[in-house]
Every structure is written in C-alpha cells, then in structure tokens.
N, C-alpha and C. Protein backbone atom coordinates (compact mmCIF):
# COMPACT_ATOMS: atom_id res chain seq x y z
N MET A 1 -16.86 15.81 -2.37
CA MET A 1 -15.54 15.61 -1.75
C MET A 1 -14.61 14.84 -2.68
N THR A 2 -13.36 15.21 -2.67
CA THR A 2 -12.36 14.49 -3.46
C THR A 2 -11.77 13.36 -2.61
N GLU A 3 -10.98 12.51 -3.26
CA GLU A 3 -10.32 11.44 -2.50
C GLU A 3 -9.38 12.01 -1.46
N GLN A 4 -8.76 13.16 -1.76
CA GLN A 4 -7.89 13.81 -0.77
C GLN A 4 -8.69 14.27 0.45
N ASP A 5 -9.90 14.78 0.21
CA ASP A 5 -10.77 15.20 1.32
C ASP A 5 -11.13 14.01 2.20
N TYR A 6 -11.44 12.88 1.57
CA TYR A 6 -11.79 11.68 2.34
C TYR A 6 -10.61 11.19 3.17
N SER A 7 -9.42 11.19 2.59
CA SER A 7 -8.26 10.69 3.33
C SER A 7 -7.92 11.63 4.50
N GLU A 8 -8.07 12.94 4.28
CA GLU A 8 -7.81 13.89 5.36
C GLU A 8 -8.84 13.74 6.47
N ALA A 9 -10.10 13.58 6.10
CA ALA A 9 -11.14 13.36 7.10
C ALA A 9 -10.88 12.06 7.87
N ALA A 10 -10.42 11.04 7.16
CA ALA A 10 -10.11 9.76 7.82
C ALA A 10 -9.02 9.94 8.87
N ARG A 11 -8.01 10.74 8.56
CA ARG A 11 -6.92 10.97 9.52
C ARG A 11 -7.44 11.65 10.79
N HIS A 12 -8.30 12.65 10.60
CA HIS A 12 -8.85 13.34 11.77
C HIS A 12 -9.72 12.40 12.60
N LEU A 13 -10.53 11.60 11.94
CA LEU A 13 -11.38 10.65 12.65
C LEU A 13 -10.54 9.63 13.41
N ARG A 14 -9.49 9.16 12.75
CA ARG A 14 -8.60 8.20 13.42
C ARG A 14 -7.94 8.82 14.64
N SER A 15 -7.50 10.06 14.50
CA SER A 15 -6.86 10.75 15.63
C SER A 15 -7.83 10.94 16.78
N ASP A 16 -9.13 11.07 16.46
CA ASP A 16 -10.15 11.24 17.50
C ASP A 16 -10.63 9.91 18.06
N GLY A 17 -10.04 8.81 17.58
CA GLY A 17 -10.42 7.50 18.09
C GLY A 17 -11.65 6.89 17.45
N LYS A 18 -12.17 7.54 16.40
CA LYS A 18 -13.37 7.04 15.71
C LYS A 18 -12.92 6.14 14.55
N LEU A 19 -12.40 4.98 14.92
CA LEU A 19 -11.72 4.14 13.95
C LEU A 19 -12.65 3.53 12.91
N GLU A 20 -13.84 3.12 13.32
CA GLU A 20 -14.74 2.49 12.35
C GLU A 20 -15.17 3.49 11.28
N THR A 21 -15.47 4.72 11.69
CA THR A 21 -15.83 5.74 10.71
C THR A 21 -14.61 6.10 9.86
N ALA A 22 -13.45 6.17 10.50
CA ALA A 22 -12.22 6.45 9.76
C ALA A 22 -11.99 5.39 8.69
N ALA A 23 -12.28 4.14 9.03
CA ALA A 23 -12.11 3.05 8.08
C ALA A 23 -12.94 3.27 6.83
N SER A 24 -14.19 3.71 7.02
CA SER A 24 -15.06 3.93 5.86
C SER A 24 -14.56 5.09 5.00
N TYR A 25 -13.96 6.10 5.64
CA TYR A 25 -13.42 7.23 4.88
C TYR A 25 -12.14 6.85 4.14
N TYR A 26 -11.27 6.07 4.78
CA TYR A 26 -10.08 5.58 4.08
C TYR A 26 -10.51 4.76 2.86
N THR A 27 -11.52 3.92 3.04
CA THR A 27 -12.00 3.07 1.95
C THR A 27 -12.58 3.92 0.82
N SER A 28 -13.31 4.97 1.18
CA SER A 28 -13.85 5.87 0.16
C SER A 28 -12.73 6.56 -0.61
N ALA A 29 -11.68 6.98 0.10
CA ALA A 29 -10.53 7.59 -0.57
C ALA A 29 -9.91 6.60 -1.54
N ALA A 30 -9.77 5.35 -1.11
CA ALA A 30 -9.19 4.31 -1.97
C ALA A 30 -10.00 4.15 -3.25
N HIS A 31 -11.31 4.10 -3.12
CA HIS A 31 -12.16 3.92 -4.30
C HIS A 31 -12.10 5.16 -5.20
N GLY A 32 -11.88 6.34 -4.60
CA GLY A 32 -11.72 7.54 -5.42
C GLY A 32 -10.51 7.42 -6.32
N TYR A 33 -9.40 6.92 -5.76
CA TYR A 33 -8.19 6.72 -6.57
C TYR A 33 -8.39 5.60 -7.59
N LEU A 34 -9.13 4.57 -7.20
CA LEU A 34 -9.41 3.47 -8.12
C LEU A 34 -10.15 3.98 -9.35
N MET A 35 -11.07 4.88 -9.12
CA MET A 35 -11.88 5.44 -10.21
C MET A 35 -11.01 6.22 -11.20
N LYS A 36 -9.86 6.72 -10.73
CA LYS A 36 -9.02 7.57 -11.58
C LYS A 36 -7.72 6.88 -12.00
N PHE A 37 -7.72 5.55 -11.97
CA PHE A 37 -6.52 4.79 -12.32
C PHE A 37 -5.95 5.14 -13.69
N LYS A 38 -6.83 5.23 -14.67
CA LYS A 38 -6.39 5.36 -16.05
C LYS A 38 -5.94 6.77 -16.37
N LYS A 39 -4.82 6.87 -17.11
CA LYS A 39 -4.35 8.17 -17.58
C LYS A 39 -5.10 8.52 -18.87
N VAL A 40 -5.90 9.56 -18.83
CA VAL A 40 -6.70 9.90 -20.01
C VAL A 40 -6.27 11.22 -20.63
N ASP A 41 -5.43 11.99 -19.95
CA ASP A 41 -5.02 13.30 -20.46
C ASP A 41 -3.52 13.38 -20.70
N SER A 42 -2.94 12.29 -21.16
CA SER A 42 -1.50 12.31 -21.40
C SER A 42 -1.18 11.42 -22.59
N GLU A 43 0.09 11.44 -22.99
CA GLU A 43 0.48 10.61 -24.13
C GLU A 43 0.48 9.13 -23.76
N ASP A 44 0.39 8.83 -22.46
CA ASP A 44 0.29 7.44 -22.01
C ASP A 44 -1.17 7.01 -21.93
N HIS A 45 -1.97 7.53 -22.82
CA HIS A 45 -3.42 7.30 -22.79
C HIS A 45 -3.75 5.82 -22.60
N GLY A 46 -4.58 5.55 -21.62
CA GLY A 46 -5.03 4.18 -21.39
C GLY A 46 -4.19 3.41 -20.41
N GLU A 47 -2.97 3.88 -20.11
CA GLU A 47 -2.15 3.18 -19.13
C GLU A 47 -2.57 3.56 -17.73
N ILE A 48 -2.29 2.67 -16.80
CA ILE A 48 -2.65 2.92 -15.42
C ILE A 48 -1.63 3.86 -14.76
N SER A 49 -2.08 4.66 -13.84
CA SER A 49 -1.19 5.55 -13.11
C SER A 49 -0.65 4.83 -11.87
N PRO A 50 0.65 4.52 -11.82
CA PRO A 50 1.21 3.88 -10.62
C PRO A 50 0.98 4.71 -9.37
N TYR A 51 1.00 6.04 -9.51
CA TYR A 51 0.77 6.94 -8.38
C TYR A 51 -0.60 6.69 -7.77
N LYS A 52 -1.63 6.64 -8.62
CA LYS A 52 -2.99 6.45 -8.10
C LYS A 52 -3.19 5.02 -7.59
N PHE A 53 -2.53 4.07 -8.23
CA PHE A 53 -2.61 2.69 -7.73
C PHE A 53 -2.01 2.61 -6.34
N GLY A 54 -0.85 3.26 -6.13
CA GLY A 54 -0.22 3.24 -4.81
C GLY A 54 -1.13 3.82 -3.75
N HIS A 55 -1.80 4.92 -4.06
CA HIS A 55 -2.72 5.53 -3.10
C HIS A 55 -3.92 4.62 -2.84
N PHE A 56 -4.45 4.01 -3.89
CA PHE A 56 -5.57 3.09 -3.69
C PHE A 56 -5.18 1.99 -2.70
N ALA A 57 -4.05 1.36 -2.94
CA ALA A 57 -3.64 0.22 -2.12
C ALA A 57 -3.42 0.62 -0.67
N ILE A 58 -2.74 1.76 -0.45
CA ILE A 58 -2.42 2.17 0.91
C ILE A 58 -3.67 2.58 1.68
N TYR A 59 -4.58 3.31 1.06
CA TYR A 59 -5.79 3.72 1.78
C TYR A 59 -6.72 2.53 2.00
N MET A 60 -6.73 1.59 1.08
CA MET A 60 -7.52 0.37 1.29
C MET A 60 -6.93 -0.41 2.47
N LEU A 61 -5.64 -0.44 2.56
CA LEU A 61 -4.97 -1.14 3.65
C LEU A 61 -5.21 -0.44 4.98
N LEU A 62 -5.13 0.88 5.00
CA LEU A 62 -5.40 1.61 6.24
C LEU A 62 -6.85 1.43 6.70
N GLY A 63 -7.77 1.43 5.74
CA GLY A 63 -9.17 1.17 6.09
C GLY A 63 -9.33 -0.22 6.69
N SER A 64 -8.65 -1.18 6.10
CA SER A 64 -8.71 -2.56 6.60
C SER A 64 -8.14 -2.66 8.01
N LEU A 65 -7.03 -1.98 8.25
CA LEU A 65 -6.41 -1.99 9.57
C LEU A 65 -7.34 -1.39 10.62
N CYS A 66 -8.00 -0.29 10.27
CA CYS A 66 -8.93 0.32 11.23
C CYS A 66 -10.09 -0.62 11.54
N TYR A 67 -10.63 -1.27 10.52
CA TYR A 67 -11.70 -2.25 10.76
C TYR A 67 -11.21 -3.39 11.65
N ARG A 68 -10.01 -3.86 11.37
CA ARG A 68 -9.45 -4.98 12.14
C ARG A 68 -9.28 -4.61 13.61
N ILE A 69 -8.76 -3.42 13.87
CA ILE A 69 -8.51 -2.98 15.24
C ILE A 69 -9.81 -2.82 16.02
N THR A 70 -10.88 -2.41 15.34
CA THR A 70 -12.17 -2.23 16.02
C THR A 70 -12.95 -3.53 16.14
N GLY A 71 -12.40 -4.62 15.64
CA GLY A 71 -13.08 -5.91 15.75
C GLY A 71 -14.02 -6.22 14.61
N GLU A 72 -14.06 -5.34 13.61
CA GLU A 72 -14.93 -5.57 12.44
C GLU A 72 -14.17 -6.45 11.44
N ARG A 73 -13.93 -7.68 11.81
CA ARG A 73 -13.09 -8.56 11.00
C ARG A 73 -13.70 -8.88 9.64
N HIS A 74 -15.04 -8.98 9.58
CA HIS A 74 -15.68 -9.28 8.29
C HIS A 74 -15.46 -8.14 7.31
N ARG A 75 -15.63 -6.90 7.79
CA ARG A 75 -15.44 -5.75 6.91
C ARG A 75 -13.96 -5.61 6.54
N CYS A 76 -13.10 -5.92 7.49
CA CYS A 76 -11.66 -5.91 7.21
C CYS A 76 -11.34 -6.90 6.09
N ARG A 77 -11.88 -8.10 6.22
CA ARG A 77 -11.61 -9.15 5.23
C ARG A 77 -12.15 -8.76 3.86
N THR A 78 -13.35 -8.17 3.84
CA THR A 78 -13.94 -7.74 2.57
C THR A 78 -13.06 -6.71 1.87
N ASN A 79 -12.59 -5.72 2.64
CA ASN A 79 -11.69 -4.72 2.08
C ASN A 79 -10.43 -5.37 1.51
N CYS A 80 -9.86 -6.29 2.28
CA CYS A 80 -8.62 -6.94 1.84
C CYS A 80 -8.84 -7.79 0.60
N GLU A 81 -9.99 -8.45 0.52
CA GLU A 81 -10.29 -9.26 -0.67
C GLU A 81 -10.38 -8.37 -1.90
N ILE A 82 -11.00 -7.20 -1.77
CA ILE A 82 -11.07 -6.26 -2.89
C ILE A 82 -9.67 -5.80 -3.27
N GLY A 83 -8.86 -5.48 -2.26
CA GLY A 83 -7.48 -5.05 -2.52
C GLY A 83 -6.68 -6.10 -3.26
N ILE A 84 -6.85 -7.36 -2.87
CA ILE A 84 -6.14 -8.46 -3.52
C ILE A 84 -6.60 -8.61 -4.97
N LEU A 85 -7.90 -8.59 -5.19
CA LEU A 85 -8.44 -8.78 -6.54
C LEU A 85 -7.97 -7.67 -7.49
N VAL A 86 -8.03 -6.43 -7.03
CA VAL A 86 -7.59 -5.30 -7.87
C VAL A 86 -6.10 -5.40 -8.16
N THR A 87 -5.31 -5.70 -7.13
CA THR A 87 -3.86 -5.78 -7.31
C THR A 87 -3.48 -6.93 -8.24
N LYS A 88 -4.13 -8.06 -8.09
CA LYS A 88 -3.86 -9.20 -8.99
C LYS A 88 -4.21 -8.84 -10.43
N ASP A 89 -5.34 -8.17 -10.61
CA ASP A 89 -5.76 -7.80 -11.96
C ASP A 89 -4.74 -6.86 -12.61
N ILE A 90 -4.24 -5.91 -11.84
CA ILE A 90 -3.24 -4.97 -12.36
C ILE A 90 -1.95 -5.71 -12.69
N ARG A 91 -1.53 -6.59 -11.80
CA ARG A 91 -0.28 -7.33 -12.02
C ARG A 91 -0.37 -8.18 -13.28
N GLU A 92 -1.51 -8.74 -13.56
CA GLU A 92 -1.65 -9.69 -14.66
C GLU A 92 -2.02 -9.04 -15.99
N HIS A 93 -2.63 -7.84 -15.96
CA HIS A 93 -3.20 -7.31 -17.21
C HIS A 93 -2.75 -5.92 -17.60
N GLU A 94 -2.17 -5.16 -16.67
CA GLU A 94 -1.82 -3.77 -17.00
C GLU A 94 -0.40 -3.69 -17.53
N GLN A 95 -0.25 -3.08 -18.70
CA GLN A 95 1.04 -3.00 -19.37
C GLN A 95 2.09 -2.28 -18.51
N THR A 96 1.65 -1.26 -17.77
CA THR A 96 2.58 -0.50 -16.94
C THR A 96 3.29 -1.38 -15.92
N PHE A 97 2.66 -2.49 -15.53
CA PHE A 97 3.22 -3.37 -14.52
C PHE A 97 3.78 -4.66 -15.13
N GLN A 98 3.79 -4.75 -16.46
CA GLN A 98 4.24 -5.98 -17.11
C GLN A 98 5.51 -5.82 -17.93
N LYS A 99 5.98 -4.60 -18.10
CA LYS A 99 7.17 -4.39 -18.92
C LYS A 99 8.36 -5.12 -18.29
N PRO A 100 9.23 -5.70 -19.12
CA PRO A 100 10.37 -6.48 -18.60
C PRO A 100 11.24 -5.68 -17.63
N THR A 101 11.30 -4.36 -17.82
CA THR A 101 12.15 -3.52 -16.95
C THR A 101 11.44 -3.10 -15.67
N HIS A 102 10.22 -3.56 -15.49
CA HIS A 102 9.43 -3.11 -14.34
C HIS A 102 9.21 -4.22 -13.31
N GLU A 103 10.19 -5.10 -13.13
CA GLU A 103 10.06 -6.17 -12.15
C GLU A 103 9.75 -5.65 -10.75
N PRO A 104 10.32 -4.49 -10.34
CA PRO A 104 10.00 -3.99 -9.00
C PRO A 104 8.50 -3.75 -8.79
N ARG A 105 7.81 -3.31 -9.84
CA ARG A 105 6.37 -3.09 -9.70
C ARG A 105 5.63 -4.41 -9.52
N THR A 106 6.11 -5.45 -10.19
CA THR A 106 5.52 -6.77 -9.98
C THR A 106 5.78 -7.21 -8.54
N GLY A 107 7.00 -6.95 -8.05
CA GLY A 107 7.32 -7.27 -6.66
C GLY A 107 6.43 -6.51 -5.70
N LEU A 108 6.18 -5.24 -6.00
CA LEU A 108 5.31 -4.45 -5.14
C LEU A 108 3.90 -5.03 -5.09
N CYS A 109 3.40 -5.48 -6.23
CA CYS A 109 2.07 -6.10 -6.25
C CYS A 109 2.02 -7.31 -5.33
N TYR A 110 3.04 -8.16 -5.41
CA TYR A 110 3.07 -9.33 -4.53
C TYR A 110 3.17 -8.92 -3.06
N GLU A 111 3.98 -7.89 -2.78
CA GLU A 111 4.11 -7.42 -1.40
C GLU A 111 2.78 -6.91 -0.86
N LEU A 112 2.06 -6.14 -1.68
CA LEU A 112 0.77 -5.61 -1.26
C LEU A 112 -0.25 -6.73 -1.07
N ILE A 113 -0.21 -7.72 -1.95
CA ILE A 113 -1.10 -8.87 -1.77
C ILE A 113 -0.81 -9.55 -0.44
N GLY A 114 0.48 -9.70 -0.13
CA GLY A 114 0.85 -10.28 1.16
C GLY A 114 0.34 -9.44 2.33
N ASP A 115 0.44 -8.12 2.20
CA ASP A 115 -0.07 -7.23 3.25
C ASP A 115 -1.57 -7.43 3.46
N PHE A 116 -2.32 -7.46 2.36
CA PHE A 116 -3.77 -7.66 2.45
C PHE A 116 -4.09 -9.03 3.05
N GLN A 117 -3.34 -10.05 2.66
CA GLN A 117 -3.57 -11.38 3.21
C GLN A 117 -3.29 -11.42 4.70
N LEU A 118 -2.22 -10.74 5.11
CA LEU A 118 -1.84 -10.73 6.52
C LEU A 118 -2.90 -10.00 7.36
N VAL A 119 -3.28 -8.80 6.93
CA VAL A 119 -4.24 -8.00 7.70
C VAL A 119 -5.62 -8.65 7.68
N GLY A 120 -6.01 -9.21 6.52
CA GLY A 120 -7.34 -9.80 6.40
C GLY A 120 -7.44 -11.26 6.79
N GLU A 121 -6.32 -11.84 7.21
CA GLU A 121 -6.27 -13.26 7.58
C GLU A 121 -6.77 -14.14 6.43
N ILE A 122 -6.16 -13.91 5.27
CA ILE A 122 -6.57 -14.60 4.06
C ILE A 122 -5.39 -15.38 3.50
N GLY A 123 -5.40 -16.67 3.59
CA GLY A 123 -4.37 -17.49 2.97
C GLY A 123 -2.99 -17.29 3.57
N SER A 124 -1.98 -17.67 2.79
CA SER A 124 -0.60 -17.65 3.25
C SER A 124 0.13 -16.43 2.72
N TYR A 125 0.26 -15.41 3.56
CA TYR A 125 0.94 -14.20 3.13
C TYR A 125 2.42 -14.43 2.91
N GLU A 126 2.99 -15.47 3.56
CA GLU A 126 4.42 -15.73 3.40
C GLU A 126 4.78 -16.01 1.94
N ASN A 127 3.90 -16.71 1.23
CA ASN A 127 4.16 -17.02 -0.18
C ASN A 127 4.23 -15.75 -1.03
N ALA A 128 3.31 -14.82 -0.76
CA ALA A 128 3.31 -13.57 -1.52
C ALA A 128 4.57 -12.76 -1.22
N TYR A 129 4.97 -12.71 0.04
CA TYR A 129 6.19 -11.98 0.41
C TYR A 129 7.42 -12.62 -0.23
N HIS A 130 7.42 -13.95 -0.31
CA HIS A 130 8.55 -14.64 -0.93
C HIS A 130 8.65 -14.29 -2.41
N ARG A 131 7.50 -14.24 -3.09
CA ARG A 131 7.51 -13.88 -4.51
C ARG A 131 7.99 -12.44 -4.68
N ALA A 132 7.54 -11.56 -3.79
CA ALA A 132 8.00 -10.16 -3.85
C ALA A 132 9.51 -10.10 -3.68
N GLU A 133 10.01 -10.86 -2.75
CA GLU A 133 11.46 -10.88 -2.50
C GLU A 133 12.22 -11.31 -3.74
N GLN A 134 11.70 -12.32 -4.44
CA GLN A 134 12.37 -12.80 -5.65
C GLN A 134 12.46 -11.71 -6.71
N TYR A 135 11.39 -10.92 -6.86
CA TYR A 135 11.41 -9.84 -7.84
C TYR A 135 12.32 -8.70 -7.40
N TYR A 136 12.29 -8.36 -6.12
CA TYR A 136 13.13 -7.26 -5.63
C TYR A 136 14.61 -7.60 -5.76
N GLU A 137 14.95 -8.86 -5.65
CA GLU A 137 16.36 -9.25 -5.74
C GLU A 137 16.93 -9.05 -7.13
N THR A 138 16.08 -8.86 -8.14
CA THR A 138 16.55 -8.66 -9.52
C THR A 138 16.83 -7.18 -9.82
N VAL A 139 16.53 -6.30 -8.86
CA VAL A 139 16.63 -4.85 -9.12
C VAL A 139 18.09 -4.40 -9.16
N ASP A 140 18.48 -3.74 -10.26
CA ASP A 140 19.83 -3.21 -10.40
C ASP A 140 19.94 -1.77 -9.91
N ASN A 141 18.81 -1.05 -9.89
CA ASN A 141 18.85 0.38 -9.53
C ASN A 141 17.82 0.68 -8.44
N PRO A 142 17.99 0.10 -7.25
CA PRO A 142 16.98 0.28 -6.20
C PRO A 142 16.77 1.72 -5.78
N HIS A 143 17.81 2.56 -5.84
CA HIS A 143 17.66 3.95 -5.44
C HIS A 143 16.68 4.68 -6.35
N GLN A 144 16.76 4.38 -7.64
CA GLN A 144 15.85 5.02 -8.58
C GLN A 144 14.41 4.60 -8.31
N TRP A 145 14.20 3.30 -8.09
CA TRP A 145 12.85 2.81 -7.87
C TRP A 145 12.27 3.28 -6.54
N SER A 146 13.14 3.48 -5.55
CA SER A 146 12.64 3.84 -4.21
C SER A 146 11.93 5.18 -4.18
N VAL A 147 12.22 6.04 -5.17
CA VAL A 147 11.57 7.35 -5.19
C VAL A 147 10.41 7.40 -6.18
N GLU A 148 10.11 6.30 -6.82
CA GLU A 148 8.92 6.25 -7.67
C GLU A 148 7.69 6.37 -6.76
N PRO A 149 6.65 7.10 -7.20
CA PRO A 149 5.53 7.41 -6.29
C PRO A 149 4.83 6.19 -5.70
N GLU A 150 4.70 5.10 -6.47
CA GLU A 150 3.99 3.94 -5.95
C GLU A 150 4.76 3.26 -4.82
N PHE A 151 6.10 3.48 -4.77
CA PHE A 151 6.90 2.93 -3.68
C PHE A 151 6.98 3.92 -2.51
N GLU A 152 7.16 5.19 -2.84
CA GLU A 152 7.31 6.20 -1.80
C GLU A 152 6.06 6.31 -0.94
N ILE A 153 4.89 6.11 -1.56
CA ILE A 153 3.63 6.25 -0.84
C ILE A 153 3.46 5.18 0.23
N GLN A 154 4.21 4.08 0.13
CA GLN A 154 4.08 3.00 1.11
C GLN A 154 4.41 3.47 2.53
N MET A 155 5.15 4.55 2.65
CA MET A 155 5.54 5.06 3.97
C MET A 155 4.34 5.58 4.75
N ILE A 156 3.24 5.92 4.07
CA ILE A 156 2.07 6.48 4.74
C ILE A 156 1.56 5.55 5.84
N VAL A 157 1.55 4.24 5.58
CA VAL A 157 1.04 3.30 6.58
C VAL A 157 1.83 3.41 7.87
N LEU A 158 3.16 3.40 7.77
CA LEU A 158 3.99 3.49 8.96
C LEU A 158 3.81 4.83 9.66
N LEU A 159 3.72 5.91 8.91
CA LEU A 159 3.54 7.23 9.50
C LEU A 159 2.23 7.32 10.27
N GLU A 160 1.16 6.79 9.68
CA GLU A 160 -0.14 6.91 10.33
C GLU A 160 -0.28 5.95 11.51
N LEU A 161 0.33 4.78 11.41
CA LEU A 161 0.33 3.87 12.56
C LEU A 161 1.12 4.47 13.71
N ALA A 162 2.26 5.09 13.38
CA ALA A 162 3.07 5.73 14.42
C ALA A 162 2.29 6.87 15.08
N ASP A 163 1.57 7.63 14.27
CA ASP A 163 0.78 8.74 14.80
C ASP A 163 -0.33 8.23 15.72
N SER A 164 -0.85 7.04 15.43
CA SER A 164 -1.93 6.48 16.23
C SER A 164 -1.50 6.18 17.66
N ILE A 165 -0.22 5.93 17.85
CA ILE A 165 0.27 5.65 19.21
C ILE A 165 1.09 6.83 19.73
N ASP A 166 0.84 8.02 19.12
CA ASP A 166 1.50 9.26 19.54
C ASP A 166 3.01 9.21 19.43
N TYR A 167 3.51 8.43 18.48
CA TYR A 167 4.94 8.44 18.20
C TYR A 167 5.17 9.32 16.99
N LYS A 168 5.78 10.45 17.21
CA LYS A 168 5.99 11.41 16.14
C LYS A 168 7.31 11.11 15.42
N ILE A 169 7.23 10.87 14.15
CA ILE A 169 8.42 10.57 13.35
C ILE A 169 9.01 11.89 12.84
N SER A 170 10.23 12.14 13.20
CA SER A 170 10.89 13.38 12.78
C SER A 170 11.29 13.31 11.32
N ASP A 171 11.61 14.48 10.76
CA ASP A 171 12.05 14.53 9.36
C ASP A 171 13.31 13.70 9.16
N SER A 172 14.22 13.72 10.15
CA SER A 172 15.45 12.95 10.02
C SER A 172 15.16 11.46 10.01
N GLU A 173 14.19 11.03 10.83
CA GLU A 173 13.81 9.61 10.84
C GLU A 173 13.16 9.22 9.53
N LYS A 174 12.39 10.11 8.96
CA LYS A 174 11.76 9.83 7.66
C LYS A 174 12.83 9.63 6.59
N ARG A 175 13.88 10.47 6.65
CA ARG A 175 14.96 10.32 5.66
C ARG A 175 15.70 9.01 5.87
N ILE A 176 15.92 8.63 7.14
CA ILE A 176 16.59 7.36 7.43
C ILE A 176 15.77 6.20 6.90
N TYR A 177 14.45 6.27 7.11
CA TYR A 177 13.56 5.21 6.62
C TYR A 177 13.65 5.10 5.10
N ALA A 178 13.57 6.26 4.43
CA ALA A 178 13.61 6.25 2.96
C ALA A 178 14.93 5.69 2.46
N THR A 179 16.03 6.06 3.11
CA THR A 179 17.35 5.57 2.69
C THR A 179 17.48 4.08 2.92
N SER A 180 17.02 3.63 4.08
CA SER A 180 17.18 2.20 4.41
C SER A 180 16.34 1.33 3.52
N HIS A 181 15.25 1.88 2.98
CA HIS A 181 14.38 1.09 2.12
C HIS A 181 14.70 1.28 0.65
N SER A 182 15.83 1.91 0.36
CA SER A 182 16.19 2.11 -1.06
C SER A 182 17.23 1.09 -1.51
N SER A 183 17.58 0.14 -0.66
CA SER A 183 18.50 -0.92 -1.06
C SER A 183 17.74 -2.23 -1.15
N THR A 184 18.18 -3.09 -2.04
CA THR A 184 17.50 -4.37 -2.22
C THR A 184 17.50 -5.17 -0.93
N GLU A 185 18.63 -5.19 -0.21
CA GLU A 185 18.71 -5.98 1.01
C GLU A 185 17.70 -5.47 2.04
N SER A 186 17.60 -4.16 2.20
CA SER A 186 16.68 -3.61 3.18
C SER A 186 15.25 -3.86 2.77
N ASN A 187 14.96 -3.74 1.46
CA ASN A 187 13.61 -4.04 0.99
C ASN A 187 13.25 -5.47 1.30
N THR A 188 14.18 -6.38 1.08
CA THR A 188 13.93 -7.79 1.33
C THR A 188 13.64 -8.02 2.81
N ASN A 189 14.44 -7.39 3.68
CA ASN A 189 14.21 -7.55 5.11
C ASN A 189 12.86 -7.01 5.52
N ALA A 190 12.46 -5.88 4.93
CA ALA A 190 11.17 -5.30 5.27
C ALA A 190 10.03 -6.19 4.83
N ILE A 191 10.20 -6.82 3.68
CA ILE A 191 9.14 -7.67 3.15
C ILE A 191 8.96 -8.90 4.02
N THR A 192 10.07 -9.53 4.39
CA THR A 192 9.98 -10.81 5.07
C THR A 192 9.63 -10.68 6.54
N SER A 193 9.67 -9.46 7.09
CA SER A 193 9.25 -9.28 8.48
C SER A 193 7.77 -8.95 8.50
N ASN A 194 7.09 -9.26 9.60
CA ASN A 194 5.67 -8.94 9.73
C ASN A 194 5.53 -7.48 10.12
N ARG A 195 5.06 -6.66 9.18
CA ARG A 195 4.99 -5.23 9.42
C ARG A 195 3.79 -4.88 10.29
N PHE A 196 2.83 -5.76 10.36
CA PHE A 196 1.61 -5.44 11.12
C PHE A 196 1.45 -6.44 12.24
N SER A 197 1.73 -6.03 13.46
CA SER A 197 1.61 -6.90 14.61
C SER A 197 0.22 -6.70 15.20
N ILE A 198 -0.74 -7.42 14.68
CA ILE A 198 -2.13 -7.24 15.10
C ILE A 198 -2.66 -8.56 15.63
N ARG A 199 -3.40 -8.49 16.69
CA ARG A 199 -4.02 -9.70 17.25
C ARG A 199 -5.53 -9.53 17.26
C-alpha cells in the first residue's frame, strides 16, 4: 500500500466511526510521506520536499486527533511528540526551510508545533503560535505563499473534521476559506485562535 492508500483507508474508517483504527492508518500515511521527504530525482537533489512535509504533518495531526477523541491520550501524545521532533529538526536543519526568503515556512513550522502541542497537551502552544505570528507578519506576498503545497494542504484537517460531523463544505466555501487565509491578517487570526476545540 502507498501512503495515499493508507490515507484513503483512514478516511473510510473514520467515516465508519472506527476512529482508533483510522488513527493508525493516518499515522502510517504520515510515515510514508516522512520516508519520501528527500528529493532524489530532481535538480534539488537532497533538499526536502515541502509538499511531502505538509502531508506528513497533517496526517500525523489527524491521527493524533483520532486518538485523542477515542480517549487514547498516550498514543495521541506520542504521535504529537514525533510530529514536534520532526518539525523542529526540519526548521533547524533543512535548507529549504532556512532560506532568508522563506520566513513563511519557518512560521508554518512554529504553527504546526503549536498544533501538536495543543492536541497532545504538551507545553505551551501559545508560545509557538506567537512565534508563527511573528514570522507571518513579515510576509510581503501572502497570496503567493498561500498556494504553496505545504500551506494549501493545511485545509485537509478542517475538511475532514467538518466531514466527521456531517458538515459538507461546498466548493464556494472552500474558495472563501482559501481566500481568507491568503492574507497576513487572516493567517494571524487563524493562528492565534484555538482551531481544535477538544476536551
């Protein structure tokens, strides 16, 4: 099975209410993308693929959310700890995320760390969101960055959470969401609000 097969199976399992099994499939999909981070067949040889990183983070987060909802808090926390460690390593060591013109990617790393901290109940997620906000505020071309794959993929979490409560998001609503999140002010508001209301 490919990582796409695992993520599709996870969606079906989640729709059927089999959240714990869905969590394991989302996690498997995440690790599949993690395994393929590096670009080996292009002129960017050795650099990390932001597209695959975005998929890793989102599926790891969805797996964590499913574990959290089913009461498997230890497994949720473990997933989130892995997500934080991988994201921190990328932020600190990968050239693709360190270029002076790539501040938004650094902001995204902090935002994702905050998400993992919030879902996994690990430390102070507010600090990570604040750091993300600081980086996003430096963006001069938010519209361009909003369509980069590592940012666009973030919508999957909202789409799948909405589907879980039988709220169908129309194509027009998807476009509104994408537009509203393509400005620095809207990105900042999204970061500083708690996107996951879980008890």
